[in-house]
N, C-alpha and C. Protein backbone atom coordinates (compact mmCIF):
# COMPACT_ATOMS: atom_id res chain seq x y z
N MET A 1 42.51 -54.26 -0.01
CA MET A 1 43.15 -53.69 -1.21
C MET A 1 42.48 -54.34 -2.53
N LEU A 2 42.11 -53.34 -3.42
CA LEU A 2 41.31 -53.87 -4.51
C LEU A 2 42.22 -54.44 -5.52
N GLY A 3 43.50 -54.52 -5.58
CA GLY A 3 44.19 -55.17 -6.48
C GLY A 3 44.99 -54.09 -7.27
N ASN A 4 45.29 -54.67 -8.68
CA ASN A 4 45.69 -53.66 -9.65
C ASN A 4 44.50 -53.10 -10.53
N ILE A 5 44.63 -51.93 -10.53
CA ILE A 5 43.45 -51.16 -11.28
C ILE A 5 43.93 -50.04 -12.26
N ALA A 6 43.26 -49.74 -13.13
CA ALA A 6 43.41 -48.39 -14.06
C ALA A 6 42.35 -47.63 -14.11
N TYR A 7 42.47 -46.49 -14.01
CA TYR A 7 41.20 -45.58 -13.94
C TYR A 7 41.60 -44.26 -15.03
N SER A 8 40.72 -44.07 -15.66
CA SER A 8 41.01 -42.77 -16.79
C SER A 8 39.58 -42.11 -16.54
N ASN A 9 39.55 -40.82 -16.34
CA ASN A 9 38.47 -40.09 -16.37
C ASN A 9 38.72 -38.86 -17.07
N PRO A 10 38.83 -38.74 -18.56
CA PRO A 10 39.02 -37.55 -19.25
C PRO A 10 37.63 -36.57 -19.25
N THR A 11 38.08 -35.53 -19.23
CA THR A 11 36.91 -34.30 -18.90
C THR A 11 37.41 -33.47 -19.89
N LYS A 12 36.17 -32.76 -20.71
CA LYS A 12 36.09 -31.69 -21.50
C LYS A 12 35.20 -30.81 -21.01
N LEU A 13 35.84 -29.42 -20.85
CA LEU A 13 35.01 -28.19 -20.47
C LEU A 13 34.84 -27.05 -21.37
N TYR A 14 33.52 -26.76 -21.66
CA TYR A 14 33.28 -25.49 -22.35
C TYR A 14 32.91 -24.41 -21.41
N PHE A 15 33.73 -23.03 -21.73
CA PHE A 15 33.53 -22.00 -21.13
C PHE A 15 32.69 -20.83 -22.08
N GLY A 16 32.12 -19.81 -21.67
CA GLY A 16 31.62 -18.89 -22.35
C GLY A 16 30.34 -18.75 -22.74
N GLU A 17 29.87 -17.88 -23.33
CA GLU A 17 28.48 -17.71 -23.66
C GLU A 17 28.12 -18.73 -24.70
N GLY A 18 27.08 -19.32 -24.74
CA GLY A 18 26.56 -20.51 -25.61
C GLY A 18 27.05 -21.75 -25.41
N SER A 19 28.04 -21.78 -24.22
CA SER A 19 28.72 -23.04 -23.85
C SER A 19 27.54 -24.36 -23.74
N LEU A 20 26.68 -23.88 -23.34
CA LEU A 20 25.74 -25.08 -23.25
C LEU A 20 25.15 -25.79 -24.33
N GLU A 21 25.40 -25.29 -25.61
CA GLU A 21 24.87 -25.80 -26.81
C GLU A 21 26.01 -26.80 -27.22
N HIS A 22 27.06 -26.93 -26.66
CA HIS A 22 28.06 -27.87 -26.79
C HIS A 22 27.37 -29.15 -26.40
N LEU A 23 26.68 -29.26 -25.39
CA LEU A 23 26.01 -30.63 -24.82
C LEU A 23 25.32 -31.15 -25.98
N ARG A 24 24.73 -30.79 -26.97
CA ARG A 24 24.08 -31.50 -27.79
C ARG A 24 25.12 -32.14 -28.62
N GLU A 25 26.12 -31.62 -28.82
CA GLU A 25 27.05 -32.52 -29.66
C GLU A 25 27.90 -33.68 -28.91
N GLU A 26 28.02 -33.43 -27.89
CA GLU A 26 28.46 -34.31 -26.91
C GLU A 26 27.67 -35.61 -26.51
N LEU A 27 26.27 -35.26 -26.39
CA LEU A 27 25.43 -36.42 -25.97
C LEU A 27 25.52 -37.46 -26.62
N PRO A 28 25.56 -37.50 -27.99
CA PRO A 28 25.39 -38.76 -28.87
C PRO A 28 26.69 -39.76 -28.48
N LYS A 29 27.55 -39.34 -28.04
CA LYS A 29 28.90 -39.91 -27.76
C LYS A 29 28.78 -41.12 -26.50
N TYR A 30 27.68 -40.89 -25.78
CA TYR A 30 27.48 -41.61 -24.66
C TYR A 30 26.12 -42.48 -24.46
N GLY A 31 26.02 -43.21 -23.38
CA GLY A 31 24.94 -44.09 -23.48
C GLY A 31 23.63 -43.22 -23.06
N ARG A 32 22.62 -44.10 -22.92
CA ARG A 32 21.12 -43.49 -22.89
C ARG A 32 21.01 -42.79 -21.14
N ASN A 33 21.63 -43.26 -20.31
CA ASN A 33 21.42 -42.99 -18.94
C ASN A 33 22.50 -41.65 -18.63
N VAL A 34 21.81 -40.66 -17.84
CA VAL A 34 22.69 -39.65 -17.51
C VAL A 34 22.35 -39.42 -16.11
N GLN A 35 23.32 -38.97 -15.26
CA GLN A 35 23.08 -38.65 -13.78
C GLN A 35 23.15 -37.12 -13.59
N LEU A 36 22.34 -36.45 -13.45
CA LEU A 36 22.52 -34.99 -13.12
C LEU A 36 22.48 -34.78 -11.63
N VAL A 37 23.66 -34.11 -11.39
CA VAL A 37 23.90 -33.94 -9.85
C VAL A 37 24.22 -32.31 -9.97
N TYR A 38 23.44 -31.96 -8.80
CA TYR A 38 23.53 -30.65 -8.58
C TYR A 38 23.19 -30.17 -7.14
N ASP A 39 23.41 -28.98 -6.61
CA ASP A 39 23.48 -28.62 -5.25
C ASP A 39 23.04 -27.24 -5.26
N GLY A 40 22.03 -26.95 -4.48
CA GLY A 40 21.83 -25.66 -4.29
C GLY A 40 20.64 -25.16 -5.21
N GLY A 41 20.25 -23.82 -5.08
CA GLY A 41 19.08 -23.42 -5.92
C GLY A 41 19.62 -22.47 -7.25
N SER A 42 20.75 -22.30 -7.39
CA SER A 42 21.12 -21.57 -8.48
C SER A 42 20.94 -21.92 -9.83
N ILE A 43 21.22 -23.29 -9.89
CA ILE A 43 20.73 -23.88 -11.37
C ILE A 43 19.46 -23.83 -11.81
N LYS A 44 18.60 -23.79 -10.85
CA LYS A 44 17.11 -23.77 -11.15
C LYS A 44 16.82 -22.11 -11.06
N LYS A 45 17.35 -21.39 -10.14
CA LYS A 45 16.98 -19.83 -10.26
C LYS A 45 17.52 -19.07 -11.35
N TYR A 46 18.48 -19.50 -11.93
CA TYR A 46 18.98 -18.86 -13.28
C TYR A 46 18.64 -19.68 -14.59
N GLY A 47 17.86 -20.62 -14.43
CA GLY A 47 17.31 -21.38 -15.60
C GLY A 47 17.94 -22.38 -16.57
N ILE A 48 19.21 -22.58 -15.74
CA ILE A 48 20.05 -23.63 -16.30
C ILE A 48 19.72 -24.81 -16.27
N TYR A 49 18.81 -25.58 -15.20
CA TYR A 49 18.34 -26.44 -14.87
C TYR A 49 17.27 -27.01 -16.00
N ASP A 50 16.36 -26.18 -16.26
CA ASP A 50 15.46 -26.33 -17.51
C ASP A 50 16.09 -26.48 -18.84
N LYS A 51 17.06 -25.79 -19.16
CA LYS A 51 17.86 -25.76 -20.25
C LYS A 51 18.49 -27.09 -20.61
N VAL A 52 19.22 -27.57 -19.49
CA VAL A 52 20.12 -28.82 -19.51
C VAL A 52 19.17 -30.06 -19.72
N VAL A 53 17.90 -29.97 -18.79
CA VAL A 53 16.86 -31.16 -18.97
C VAL A 53 16.33 -31.14 -20.17
N THR A 54 15.81 -29.86 -20.84
CA THR A 54 15.28 -30.06 -22.23
C THR A 54 16.46 -30.72 -23.32
N ILE A 55 17.64 -30.34 -23.12
CA ILE A 55 18.62 -30.80 -24.13
C ILE A 55 18.70 -32.34 -23.80
N LEU A 56 18.71 -32.82 -22.61
CA LEU A 56 18.91 -34.14 -22.41
C LEU A 56 17.66 -34.78 -22.98
N LYS A 57 16.50 -34.46 -22.84
CA LYS A 57 15.35 -35.10 -23.11
C LYS A 57 15.37 -35.19 -24.63
N GLU A 58 15.51 -34.00 -25.34
CA GLU A 58 15.78 -34.13 -26.88
C GLU A 58 16.53 -35.11 -27.40
N GLY A 59 17.83 -35.31 -26.52
CA GLY A 59 18.74 -36.37 -26.95
C GLY A 59 18.50 -37.62 -26.48
N GLY A 60 17.18 -37.88 -25.99
CA GLY A 60 16.68 -39.28 -25.78
C GLY A 60 17.47 -39.73 -24.39
N LYS A 61 17.78 -39.08 -23.48
CA LYS A 61 18.56 -39.38 -22.46
C LYS A 61 17.40 -39.68 -21.18
N ASN A 62 17.81 -41.01 -20.61
CA ASN A 62 17.16 -41.12 -19.30
C ASN A 62 17.61 -40.36 -17.86
N ILE A 63 17.02 -39.41 -17.51
CA ILE A 63 17.72 -38.78 -16.57
C ILE A 63 17.54 -39.22 -15.12
N MET A 64 18.43 -39.24 -14.24
CA MET A 64 18.48 -39.78 -12.93
C MET A 64 19.09 -38.40 -12.04
N GLU A 65 18.08 -38.02 -11.26
CA GLU A 65 18.52 -36.53 -10.72
C GLU A 65 19.19 -37.05 -9.38
N ASP A 66 20.06 -36.02 -8.88
CA ASP A 66 20.78 -36.24 -7.36
C ASP A 66 21.06 -34.53 -7.05
N GLY A 67 19.66 -34.05 -6.73
CA GLY A 67 19.67 -32.67 -6.37
C GLY A 67 19.27 -32.28 -5.09
N ALA A 68 20.01 -31.10 -4.59
CA ALA A 68 19.66 -30.86 -3.31
C ALA A 68 18.32 -30.02 -3.28
N SER A 69 17.74 -29.89 -2.17
CA SER A 69 16.22 -29.34 -2.16
C SER A 69 16.58 -27.82 -2.09
């Protein structure tokens, strides 16, 4: 047993056209390291991957990837 713990995982979700642009305003609130986790090929097939990576790099983030081939 780990003992007494408290865990909080607040989540903010954006939906709709242009939602990805909200990533730019959220990034400064967090540290320099980002773990990008994805599965399958649709994120790359539809161009989302390239857009996310561009925004992360422009935001000065170090990207660690965990993606399926």
